C-alpha atoms as a PDB file:
ATOM      1  CA  MET A   1       0.000   0.000   0.000  1.00  0.00           C
ATOM      2  CA  PHE A   2       1.257   3.454  -0.882  1.00  0.00           C
ATOM      3  CA  SER A   3      -0.415   6.623   0.258  1.00  0.00           C
ATOM      4  CA  VAL A   4       0.416  10.311   0.162  1.00  0.00           C
ATOM      5  CA  ALA A   5      -1.021  12.956   2.472  1.00  0.00           C
ATOM      6  CA  LEU A   6      -0.755  16.659   1.609  1.00  0.00           C
ATOM      7  CA  ALA A   7      -1.180  19.128   4.457  1.00  0.00           C
ATOM      8  CA  ARG A   8       0.080  22.729   4.574  1.00  0.00           C
ATOM      9  CA  GLY A   9       2.441  22.141   1.645  1.00  0.00           C
ATOM     10  CA  ILE A  10       4.162  19.159   3.285  1.00  0.00           C
ATOM     11  CA  ILE A  11       4.000  15.742   1.693  1.00  0.00           C
ATOM     12  CA  ASP A  12       4.126  12.722   3.985  1.00  0.00           C
ATOM     13  CA  VAL A  13       4.649   9.355   2.357  1.00  0.00           C
ATOM     14  CA  TYR A  14       3.658   6.100   4.055  1.00  0.00           C
ATOM     15  CA  VAL A  15       4.667   2.725   2.699  1.00  0.00           C
ATOM     16  CA  ASN A  16       3.505  -0.605   4.114  1.00  0.00           C
ATOM     17  CA  VAL A  17       6.148  -3.298   3.693  1.00  0.00           C
ATOM     18  CA  ASN A  18       4.894  -6.862   3.392  1.00  0.00           C
ATOM     19  CA  VAL A  19       7.334  -9.377   4.802  1.00  0.00           C
ATOM     20  CA  ASN A  20       7.830 -12.801   3.297  1.00  0.00           C
ATOM     21  CA  PRO A  21       6.514 -15.199   5.976  1.00  0.00           C
ATOM     22  CA  ARG A  22       9.181 -17.715   4.884  1.00  0.00           C
ATOM     23  CA  SER A  23      11.911 -15.231   5.835  1.00  0.00           C
ATOM     24  CA  GLY A  24      11.111 -15.387   9.540  1.00  0.00           C
ATOM     25  CA  GLY A  25      10.005 -11.757   9.409  1.00  0.00           C
ATOM     26  CA  ASN A  26      13.335 -10.468   8.075  1.00  0.00           C
ATOM     27  CA  ALA A  27      12.465  -7.926   5.365  1.00  0.00           C
ATOM     28  CA  LYS A  28      16.097  -6.842   4.983  1.00  0.00           C
ATOM     29  CA  PHE A  29      17.123  -9.805   2.858  1.00  0.00           C
ATOM     30  CA  ASN A  30      13.929 -11.079   1.249  1.00  0.00           C
ATOM     31  CA  MET A  31      11.403  -9.560  -1.058  1.00  0.00           C
ATOM     32  CA  THR A  32       7.766 -10.351  -0.464  1.00  0.00           C
ATOM     33  CA  LEU A  33       6.995 -13.792  -1.849  1.00  0.00           C
ATOM     34  CA  ILE A  34       3.497 -13.666  -3.243  1.00  0.00           C
ATOM     35  CA  PRO A  35       2.010 -17.177  -3.433  1.00  0.00           C
ATOM     36  CA  PHE A  36       1.901 -17.933  -7.163  1.00  0.00           C
ATOM     37  CA  GLU A  37       0.611 -21.149  -8.704  1.00  0.00           C
ATOM     38  CA  PRO A  38       2.931 -22.569 -11.370  1.00  0.00           C
ATOM     39  CA  LYS A  39       1.275 -23.737 -14.597  1.00  0.00           C
ATOM     40  CA  ASP A  40       3.619 -26.748 -14.656  1.00  0.00           C
ATOM     41  CA  ALA A  41       3.891 -29.012 -11.609  1.00  0.00           C
ATOM     42  CA  ALA A  42       7.455 -29.873 -12.680  1.00  0.00           C
ATOM     43  CA  TYR A  43       8.480 -26.186 -12.762  1.00  0.00           C
ATOM     44  CA  ALA A  44      11.511 -26.631 -10.446  1.00  0.00           C
ATOM     45  CA  GLU A  45      12.994 -29.453 -12.503  1.00  0.00           C
ATOM     46  CA  ARG A  46      12.357 -27.456 -15.696  1.00  0.00           C
ATOM     47  CA  VAL A  47      14.131 -24.384 -14.244  1.00  0.00           C
ATOM     48  CA  ARG A  48      17.099 -26.484 -13.087  1.00  0.00           C
ATOM     49  CA  ALA A  49      17.411 -28.258 -16.456  1.00  0.00           C
ATOM     50  CA  SER A  50      17.285 -24.967 -18.360  1.00  0.00           C
ATOM     51  CA  PHE A  51      19.805 -23.346 -16.021  1.00  0.00           C
ATOM     52  CA  GLU A  52      22.232 -26.214 -16.705  1.00  0.00           C
ATOM     53  CA  LEU A  53      22.115 -25.320 -20.420  1.00  0.00           C
ATOM     54  CA  GLN A  54      23.353 -21.762 -19.780  1.00  0.00           C
ATOM     55  CA  GLY A  55      26.976 -21.384 -20.760  1.00  0.00           C
ATOM     56  CA  ALA A  56      27.000 -17.820 -19.430  1.00  0.00           C
ATOM     57  CA  MET A  57      26.082 -18.895 -15.892  1.00  0.00           C
ATOM     58  CA  LYS A  58      28.687 -21.680 -16.018  1.00  0.00           C
ATOM     59  CA  THR A  59      31.288 -19.103 -17.049  1.00  0.00           C
ATOM     60  CA  LEU A  60      30.353 -17.006 -14.004  1.00  0.00           C
ATOM     61  CA  GLY A  61      30.522 -20.043 -11.718  1.00  0.00           C
ATOM     62  CA  ALA A  62      26.888 -19.384 -10.787  1.00  0.00           C
ATOM     63  CA  SER A  63      24.602 -21.940  -9.193  1.00  0.00           C
ATOM     64  CA  LEU A  64      20.915 -22.183  -8.404  1.00  0.00           C
ATOM     65  CA  ALA A  65      20.448 -21.756  -4.666  1.00  0.00           C
ATOM     66  CA  GLY A  66      16.643 -21.745  -4.614  1.00  0.00           C
ATOM     67  CA  VAL A  67      13.627 -22.256  -6.850  1.00  0.00           C
ATOM     68  CA  GLU A  68      10.084 -21.420  -5.722  1.00  0.00           C
ATOM     69  CA  PRO A  69       7.049 -20.505  -7.821  1.00  0.00           C
ATOM     70  CA  GLY A  70       7.831 -16.944  -8.921  1.00  0.00           C
ATOM     71  CA  GLN A  71      11.180 -16.685  -7.119  1.00  0.00           C
ATOM     72  CA  VAL A  72      14.690 -17.860  -8.006  1.00  0.00           C
ATOM     73  CA  VAL A  73      17.969 -17.367  -6.149  1.00  0.00           C
ATOM     74  CA  ILE A  74      21.313 -17.568  -7.956  1.00  0.00           C
ATOM     75  CA  GLU A  75      24.649 -17.451  -6.143  1.00  0.00           C
ATOM     76  CA  LEU A  76      28.172 -16.990  -7.398  1.00  0.00           C
ATOM     77  CA  PRO A  77      31.601 -16.642  -5.827  1.00  0.00           C
ATOM     78  CA  TRP A  78      33.933 -13.695  -6.341  1.00  0.00           C
ATOM     79  CA  ALA A  79      36.476 -14.531  -9.036  1.00  0.00           C
ATOM     80  CA  GLN A  80      39.330 -12.366 -10.301  1.00  0.00           C
ATOM     81  CA  SER A  81      38.394 -13.216 -13.888  1.00  0.00           C
ATOM     82  CA  LEU A  82      34.975 -11.517 -13.410  1.00  0.00           C
ATOM     83  CA  THR A  83      36.222  -8.208 -12.000  1.00  0.00           C
ATOM     84  CA  GLN A  84      36.712  -4.741 -13.350  1.00  0.00           C
ATOM     85  CA  GLN A  85      39.886  -2.679 -12.920  1.00  0.00           C
ATOM     86  CA  HIS A  86      39.297  -1.958  -9.189  1.00  0.00           C
ATOM     87  CA  GLY A  87      38.722  -5.578  -8.226  1.00  0.00           C
ATOM     88  CA  PHE A  88      34.933  -5.313  -7.882  1.00  0.00           C
ATOM     89  CA  LEU A  89      32.678  -7.825  -9.629  1.00  0.00           C
ATOM     90  CA  HIS A  90      32.008  -6.211 -13.003  1.00  0.00           C
ATOM     91  CA  ALA A  91      28.568  -4.615 -13.392  1.00  0.00           C
ATOM     92  CA  GLY A  92      27.999  -6.712 -16.522  1.00  0.00           C
ATOM     93  CA  MET A  93      28.375  -9.884 -14.445  1.00  0.00           C
ATOM     94  CA  VAL A  94      25.938  -8.551 -11.835  1.00  0.00           C
ATOM     95  CA  ALA A  95      23.469  -7.662 -14.603  1.00  0.00           C
ATOM     96  CA  ALA A  96      23.783 -11.054 -16.301  1.00  0.00           C
ATOM     97  CA  ALA A  97      23.155 -12.984 -13.081  1.00  0.00           C
ATOM     98  CA  LEU A  98      20.246 -10.729 -12.051  1.00  0.00           C
ATOM     99  CA  ASP A  99      18.732 -11.058 -15.529  1.00  0.00           C
ATOM    100  CA  SER A 100      18.895 -14.849 -15.195  1.00  0.00           C
ATOM    101  CA  ALA A 101      17.356 -14.751 -11.702  1.00  0.00           C
ATOM    102  CA  CYS A 102      14.461 -12.609 -12.946  1.00  0.00           C
ATOM    103  CA  GLY A 103      14.084 -14.695 -16.105  1.00  0.00           C
ATOM    104  CA  TYR A 104      13.947 -17.983 -14.235  1.00  0.00           C
ATOM    105  CA  ALA A 105      11.535 -16.543 -11.664  1.00  0.00           C
ATOM    106  CA  ALA A 106       9.198 -15.753 -14.578  1.00  0.00           C
ATOM    107  CA  PHE A 107       9.932 -19.106 -16.262  1.00  0.00           C
ATOM    108  CA  SER A 108       8.871 -20.956 -13.094  1.00  0.00           C
ATOM    109  CA  LEU A 109       5.289 -19.755 -13.645  1.00  0.00           C
ATOM    110  CA  MET A 110       5.102 -20.449 -17.388  1.00  0.00           C
ATOM    111  CA  PRO A 111       3.510 -23.481 -19.081  1.00  0.00           C
ATOM    112  CA  ALA A 112       5.682 -26.526 -19.767  1.00  0.00           C
ATOM    113  CA  ASP A 113       5.878 -25.754 -23.502  1.00  0.00           C
ATOM    114  CA  ALA A 114       7.070 -22.145 -23.030  1.00  0.00           C
ATOM    115  CA  GLY A 115      10.524 -20.654 -23.212  1.00  0.00           C
ATOM    116  CA  VAL A 116      11.481 -17.315 -21.675  1.00  0.00           C
ATOM    117  CA  LEU A 117      13.224 -14.305 -23.193  1.00  0.00           C
ATOM    118  CA  THR A 118      14.018 -10.943 -21.638  1.00  0.00           C
ATOM    119  CA  ILE A 119      12.293  -8.023 -23.344  1.00  0.00           C
ATOM    120  CA  GLU A 120      14.029  -5.325 -21.317  1.00  0.00           C
ATOM    121  CA  TYR A 121      15.601  -4.582 -17.977  1.00  0.00           C
ATOM    122  CA  LYS A 122      16.797  -1.614 -15.978  1.00  0.00           C
ATOM    123  CA  ILE A 123      19.488  -2.003 -13.356  1.00  0.00           C
ATOM    124  CA  ASN A 124      20.393   0.309 -10.491  1.00  0.00           C
ATOM    125  CA  LEU A 125      23.944  -0.189  -9.259  1.00  0.00           C
ATOM    126  CA  LEU A 126      23.770   0.911  -5.620  1.00  0.00           C
ATOM    127  CA  ALA A 127      27.244   0.035  -4.324  1.00  0.00           C
ATOM    128  CA  PRO A 128      30.462  -1.516  -5.635  1.00  0.00           C
ATOM    129  CA  ALA A 129      30.119  -5.291  -5.984  1.00  0.00           C
ATOM    130  CA  GLN A 130      32.693  -6.146  -3.358  1.00  0.00           C
ATOM    131  CA  GLY A 131      32.283  -9.421  -1.495  1.00  0.00           C
ATOM    132  CA  GLN A 132      33.340 -13.017  -1.102  1.00  0.00           C
ATOM    133  CA  ARG A 133      30.098 -14.279  -2.661  1.00  0.00           C
ATOM    134  CA  PHE A 134      27.044 -12.797  -4.357  1.00  0.00           C
ATOM    135  CA  ARG A 135      23.352 -13.666  -4.158  1.00  0.00           C
ATOM    136  CA  MET A 136      20.871 -12.635  -6.851  1.00  0.00           C
ATOM    137  CA  VAL A 137      17.150 -12.894  -6.076  1.00  0.00           C
ATOM    138  CA  GLY A 138      14.566 -12.697  -8.864  1.00  0.00           C
ATOM    139  CA  GLN A 139      10.928 -12.243  -7.858  1.00  0.00           C
ATOM    140  CA  VAL A 140       7.849 -12.047 -10.082  1.00  0.00           C
ATOM    141  CA  VAL A 141       5.769  -8.940  -9.490  1.00  0.00           C
ATOM    142  CA  LYS A 142       3.039  -9.567 -12.086  1.00  0.00           C
ATOM    143  CA  PRO A 143       2.830 -12.763 -14.116  1.00  0.00           C
ATOM    144  CA  GLY A 144       1.034 -12.684 -17.433  1.00  0.00           C
ATOM    145  CA  ARG A 145       0.108 -15.076 -20.202  1.00  0.00           C
ATOM    146  CA  THR A 146       2.725 -13.491 -22.509  1.00  0.00           C
ATOM    147  CA  VAL A 147       4.507 -10.748 -20.558  1.00  0.00           C
ATOM    148  CA  THR A 148       5.745 -11.004 -16.959  1.00  0.00           C
ATOM    149  CA  VAL A 149       7.267  -8.262 -14.806  1.00  0.00           C
ATOM    150  CA  ALA A 150       9.917  -9.199 -12.236  1.00  0.00           C
ATOM    151  CA  GLU A 151      12.223  -7.467  -9.784  1.00  0.00           C
ATOM    152  CA  GLY A 152      15.719  -8.469  -8.830  1.00  0.00           C
ATOM    153  CA  ARG A 153      18.048  -7.700  -5.971  1.00  0.00           C
ATOM    154  CA  ALA A 154      21.760  -8.436  -5.817  1.00  0.00           C
ATOM    155  CA  TYR A 155      23.602  -8.821  -2.527  1.00  0.00           C
ATOM    156  CA  ALA A 156      27.333  -8.953  -1.800  1.00  0.00           C
ATOM    157  CA  ILE A 157      28.157 -11.353   1.030  1.00  0.00           C
ATOM    158  CA  THR A 158      31.214 -10.874   3.225  1.00  0.00           C
ATOM    159  CA  ASP A 159      31.738 -12.825   6.452  1.00  0.00           C
ATOM    160  CA  GLY A 160      28.074 -13.855   6.418  1.00  0.00           C
ATOM    161  CA  ARG A 161      26.770 -10.270   6.143  1.00  0.00           C
ATOM    162  CA  GLU A 162      24.764  -9.225   3.104  1.00  0.00           C
ATOM    163  CA  LYS A 163      24.794  -5.802   1.493  1.00  0.00           C
ATOM    164  CA  LEU A 164      22.359  -4.750  -1.236  1.00  0.00           C
ATOM    165  CA  ILE A 165      24.456  -3.740  -4.247  1.00  0.00           C
ATOM    166  CA  ALA A 166      21.965  -3.613  -7.135  1.00  0.00           C
ATOM    167  CA  THR A 167      18.295  -3.770  -8.046  1.00  0.00           C
ATOM    168  CA  MET A 168      16.682  -4.664 -11.347  1.00  0.00           C
ATOM    169  CA  SER A 169      13.302  -4.251 -12.967  1.00  0.00           C
ATOM    170  CA  ALA A 170      12.785  -6.766 -15.770  1.00  0.00           C
ATOM    171  CA  THR A 171      10.133  -7.519 -18.366  1.00  0.00           C
ATOM    172  CA  LEU A 172      10.090 -11.062 -19.720  1.00  0.00           C
ATOM    173  CA  MET A 173       8.174 -12.821 -22.458  1.00  0.00           C
ATOM    174  CA  ALA A 174       6.800 -16.346 -22.643  1.00  0.00           C
ATOM    175  CA  VAL A 175       7.635 -17.800 -26.050  1.00  0.00           C
ATOM    176  CA  THR A 176       5.642 -20.730 -27.438  1.00  0.00           C
ATOM    177  CA  GLY A 177       5.509 -22.328 -30.856  1.00  0.00           C
ATOM    178  CA  ARG A 178       8.936 -21.101 -31.980  1.00  0.00           C
ATOM    179  CA  GLU A 179      11.471 -23.662 -33.074  1.00  0.00           C
ATOM    180  CA  GLY A 180      14.569 -23.688 -30.889  1.00  0.00           C
ATOM    181  CA  ILE A 181      12.987 -21.792 -27.987  1.00  0.00           C
ATOM    182  CA  ARG A 182      11.546 -24.064 -25.379  1.00  0.00           C
ATOM    183  CA  ASN A 183      13.517 -23.991 -22.145  1.00  0.00           C
END
């Protein structure tokens, strides 16, 4: 819920934050997980099988850390080969992993015969990607028959502490009936 009150030229903004009940009430690290119903009962296996086909994620050393209907978590370790000139994980690597997290979150809600493609995304780089490991969380905001909107958050992890380093807004498309695009 978002509301704005205007009184004597002052604007007060109130935002209600819904906490994912699976997070134990910790809103800092988890986005709200809205209970979505997947169109394919084997969605998790389909996401895992498709992820294994991604050469880009293998290059990053990324792995699937969680798959739920409408939410996917991807993790990757820091690696010198993925850094920019200051030793931070390169923004392109952050964007690629967040794009995959958002894409697979959307894919988890699509029919068994659908493939997923990103239509567009916008990324906000909030802090240098400095950490021992990184966690990318993709969460569906609004699923659709053809177009799905998702959000992503990237965290740097150092000594067990997480720091939000980037957010993403992504629009994804379900593709059916096209040769070569299925998973």
